[in-house]
Amino acid sequence: MTNLEVHATAPVDLEGDLASLHGDCVRMAPHWAPPERNVSLPVSPSRIHGVNVPPKSAGLLEAMSDYGD
């Protein structure tokens, strides 16, 4: 069996309840940065020309069954 050593600044409660989990999340939240917000602008339908699929990929997809293999 592997010996796992945990080095934590706060006591670890492996048998904790929901309140304990919430407390853990509140303590960790300041360490996580929010993702940058990507704003997508609408694309004119005249700029959409379909999808280009390489011949090898098209052949692979054609050989697959409709419901998976």
N, C-alpha and C. Protein backbone atom coordinates (compact mmCIF):
# COMPACT_ATOMS: atom_id res chain seq x y z
N MET A 1 0.84 -1.17 0.00
CA MET A 1 0.00 0.00 0.00
C MET A 1 0.89 1.24 0.00
N THR A 2 0.45 2.26 -0.71
CA THR A 2 1.21 3.49 -0.80
C THR A 2 0.99 4.35 0.43
N ASN A 3 2.07 4.92 0.93
CA ASN A 3 1.99 5.80 2.08
C ASN A 3 1.83 7.22 1.55
N LEU A 4 0.65 7.79 1.73
CA LEU A 4 0.38 9.14 1.25
C LEU A 4 0.56 10.12 2.40
N GLU A 5 1.43 11.09 2.22
CA GLU A 5 1.62 12.12 3.22
C GLU A 5 0.94 13.38 2.74
N VAL A 6 0.15 13.97 3.60
CA VAL A 6 -0.56 15.19 3.26
C VAL A 6 0.01 16.32 4.10
N HIS A 7 0.43 17.38 3.43
CA HIS A 7 0.95 18.56 4.13
C HIS A 7 -0.05 19.68 3.92
N ALA A 8 -0.90 19.90 4.89
CA ALA A 8 -1.93 20.92 4.77
C ALA A 8 -1.80 21.92 5.90
N THR A 9 -2.18 23.17 5.61
CA THR A 9 -2.15 24.19 6.65
C THR A 9 -3.37 24.08 7.55
N ALA A 10 -4.44 23.49 7.04
CA ALA A 10 -5.65 23.28 7.83
C ALA A 10 -5.84 21.79 8.03
N PRO A 11 -6.50 21.40 9.11
CA PRO A 11 -6.75 19.97 9.32
C PRO A 11 -7.61 19.39 8.18
N VAL A 12 -7.28 18.19 7.76
CA VAL A 12 -8.03 17.54 6.70
C VAL A 12 -9.06 16.63 7.33
N ASP A 13 -10.33 16.84 6.94
CA ASP A 13 -11.42 16.03 7.47
C ASP A 13 -11.92 15.13 6.34
N LEU A 14 -11.43 13.89 6.29
CA LEU A 14 -11.81 12.97 5.22
C LEU A 14 -13.22 12.44 5.39
N GLU A 15 -13.78 12.54 6.56
CA GLU A 15 -15.13 12.07 6.82
C GLU A 15 -16.09 13.26 6.97
N GLY A 16 -15.76 14.39 6.37
CA GLY A 16 -16.51 15.62 6.55
C GLY A 16 -17.89 15.60 5.92
N ASP A 17 -18.65 16.60 6.29
CA ASP A 17 -19.99 16.75 5.75
C ASP A 17 -20.00 17.89 4.73
N LEU A 18 -21.19 18.27 4.30
CA LEU A 18 -21.31 19.32 3.30
C LEU A 18 -20.77 20.65 3.80
N ALA A 19 -20.99 20.95 5.07
CA ALA A 19 -20.49 22.20 5.64
C ALA A 19 -18.96 22.23 5.61
N SER A 20 -18.34 21.09 5.87
CA SER A 20 -16.88 21.00 5.83
C SER A 20 -16.36 21.21 4.40
N LEU A 21 -17.06 20.62 3.43
CA LEU A 21 -16.68 20.79 2.04
C LEU A 21 -16.83 22.25 1.63
N HIS A 22 -17.91 22.87 2.05
CA HIS A 22 -18.13 24.29 1.73
C HIS A 22 -17.01 25.14 2.32
N GLY A 23 -16.61 24.85 3.55
CA GLY A 23 -15.51 25.60 4.17
C GLY A 23 -14.21 25.43 3.41
N ASP A 24 -13.94 24.22 2.93
CA ASP A 24 -12.74 23.97 2.13
C ASP A 24 -12.78 24.81 0.85
N CYS A 25 -13.93 24.86 0.20
CA CYS A 25 -14.06 25.62 -1.04
C CYS A 25 -13.88 27.12 -0.79
N VAL A 26 -14.44 27.62 0.31
CA VAL A 26 -14.31 29.04 0.63
C VAL A 26 -12.84 29.39 0.87
N ARG A 27 -12.09 28.51 1.52
CA ARG A 27 -10.67 28.77 1.78
C ARG A 27 -9.86 28.73 0.49
N MET A 28 -10.25 27.88 -0.48
CA MET A 28 -9.48 27.74 -1.71
C MET A 28 -9.86 28.76 -2.77
N ALA A 29 -11.06 29.34 -2.70
CA ALA A 29 -11.54 30.26 -3.74
C ALA A 29 -10.57 31.39 -4.05
N PRO A 30 -9.93 32.02 -3.06
CA PRO A 30 -9.01 33.11 -3.40
C PRO A 30 -7.79 32.65 -4.22
N HIS A 31 -7.50 31.36 -4.24
CA HIS A 31 -6.34 30.85 -4.97
C HIS A 31 -6.64 30.61 -6.45
N TRP A 32 -7.92 30.63 -6.83
CA TRP A 32 -8.31 30.35 -8.21
C TRP A 32 -8.66 31.64 -8.92
N ALA A 33 -8.09 31.85 -10.07
CA ALA A 33 -8.39 33.04 -10.87
C ALA A 33 -9.55 32.70 -11.81
N PRO A 34 -10.47 33.61 -12.00
CA PRO A 34 -11.57 33.34 -12.94
C PRO A 34 -11.03 33.35 -14.37
N PRO A 35 -11.63 32.56 -15.25
CA PRO A 35 -11.18 32.54 -16.64
C PRO A 35 -11.49 33.88 -17.31
N GLU A 36 -10.68 34.20 -18.32
CA GLU A 36 -10.94 35.41 -19.07
C GLU A 36 -12.24 35.24 -19.85
N ARG A 37 -13.00 36.30 -19.89
CA ARG A 37 -14.29 36.22 -20.57
C ARG A 37 -14.09 36.41 -22.08
N ASN A 38 -14.52 35.43 -22.84
CA ASN A 38 -14.46 35.51 -24.30
C ASN A 38 -15.83 35.91 -24.82
N VAL A 39 -15.88 37.00 -25.53
CA VAL A 39 -17.14 37.46 -26.11
C VAL A 39 -17.10 37.16 -27.60
N SER A 40 -18.01 36.30 -28.03
CA SER A 40 -18.08 35.95 -29.45
C SER A 40 -19.02 36.92 -30.16
N LEU A 41 -18.56 37.44 -31.25
CA LEU A 41 -19.39 38.32 -32.05
C LEU A 41 -20.13 37.50 -33.09
N PRO A 42 -21.32 37.91 -33.46
CA PRO A 42 -22.06 37.16 -34.48
C PRO A 42 -21.30 37.15 -35.81
N VAL A 43 -21.46 36.08 -36.54
CA VAL A 43 -20.82 35.93 -37.85
C VAL A 43 -21.91 36.01 -38.91
N SER A 44 -21.65 36.75 -39.94
CA SER A 44 -22.59 36.87 -41.04
C SER A 44 -22.74 35.52 -41.74
N PRO A 45 -23.97 35.10 -42.05
CA PRO A 45 -24.16 33.82 -42.74
C PRO A 45 -23.41 33.73 -44.07
N SER A 46 -23.15 34.87 -44.71
CA SER A 46 -22.42 34.84 -45.98
C SER A 46 -20.97 34.41 -45.81
N ARG A 47 -20.46 34.45 -44.57
CA ARG A 47 -19.08 34.04 -44.32
C ARG A 47 -18.97 32.56 -43.96
N ILE A 48 -20.10 31.89 -43.78
CA ILE A 48 -20.09 30.47 -43.42
C ILE A 48 -20.20 29.67 -44.71
N HIS A 49 -19.17 28.86 -45.00
CA HIS A 49 -19.13 28.13 -46.26
C HIS A 49 -19.08 26.62 -46.07
N GLY A 50 -19.39 26.12 -44.91
CA GLY A 50 -19.36 24.69 -44.69
C GLY A 50 -18.12 24.25 -43.96
N VAL A 51 -17.92 22.96 -43.95
CA VAL A 51 -16.82 22.36 -43.22
C VAL A 51 -15.93 21.61 -44.20
N ASN A 52 -14.63 21.80 -44.08
CA ASN A 52 -13.67 21.06 -44.91
C ASN A 52 -13.14 19.89 -44.10
N VAL A 53 -13.31 18.69 -44.63
CA VAL A 53 -12.85 17.48 -43.96
C VAL A 53 -11.80 16.83 -44.85
N PRO A 54 -10.60 16.56 -44.28
CA PRO A 54 -9.57 15.88 -45.07
C PRO A 54 -10.08 14.52 -45.56
N PRO A 55 -9.66 14.09 -46.75
CA PRO A 55 -10.13 12.81 -47.32
C PRO A 55 -9.92 11.62 -46.38
N LYS A 56 -8.79 11.56 -45.68
CA LYS A 56 -8.55 10.42 -44.77
C LYS A 56 -9.58 10.40 -43.64
N SER A 57 -9.89 11.58 -43.11
CA SER A 57 -10.88 11.65 -42.02
C SER A 57 -12.27 11.31 -42.55
N ALA A 58 -12.59 11.78 -43.75
CA ALA A 58 -13.89 11.47 -44.33
C ALA A 58 -14.04 9.97 -44.55
N GLY A 59 -12.98 9.33 -45.03
CA GLY A 59 -13.01 7.88 -45.22
C GLY A 59 -13.19 7.13 -43.91
N LEU A 60 -12.54 7.61 -42.88
CA LEU A 60 -12.67 6.97 -41.57
C LEU A 60 -14.10 7.10 -41.06
N LEU A 61 -14.67 8.28 -41.18
CA LEU A 61 -16.05 8.48 -40.74
C LEU A 61 -17.03 7.67 -41.57
N GLU A 62 -16.80 7.58 -42.86
CA GLU A 62 -17.68 6.81 -43.73
C GLU A 62 -17.66 5.32 -43.37
N ALA A 63 -16.52 4.83 -42.91
CA ALA A 63 -16.40 3.41 -42.57
C ALA A 63 -17.03 3.07 -41.21
N MET A 64 -17.31 4.08 -40.40
CA MET A 64 -17.91 3.83 -39.08
C MET A 64 -19.40 3.57 -39.22
N SER A 65 -19.93 2.76 -38.31
CA SER A 65 -21.37 2.53 -38.31
C SER A 65 -22.09 3.74 -37.72
N ASP A 66 -23.36 3.84 -37.94
CA ASP A 66 -24.13 4.98 -37.45
C ASP A 66 -24.24 5.00 -35.92
N TYR A 67 -24.16 3.86 -35.30
CA TYR A 67 -24.37 3.78 -33.85
C TYR A 67 -23.10 3.42 -33.07
N GLY A 68 -21.95 3.67 -33.62
CA GLY A 68 -20.68 3.40 -32.94
C GLY A 68 -20.17 2.00 -33.19
N ASP A 69 -18.90 1.81 -32.94
CA ASP A 69 -18.27 0.50 -33.13
C ASP A 69 -17.85 -0.07 -31.81
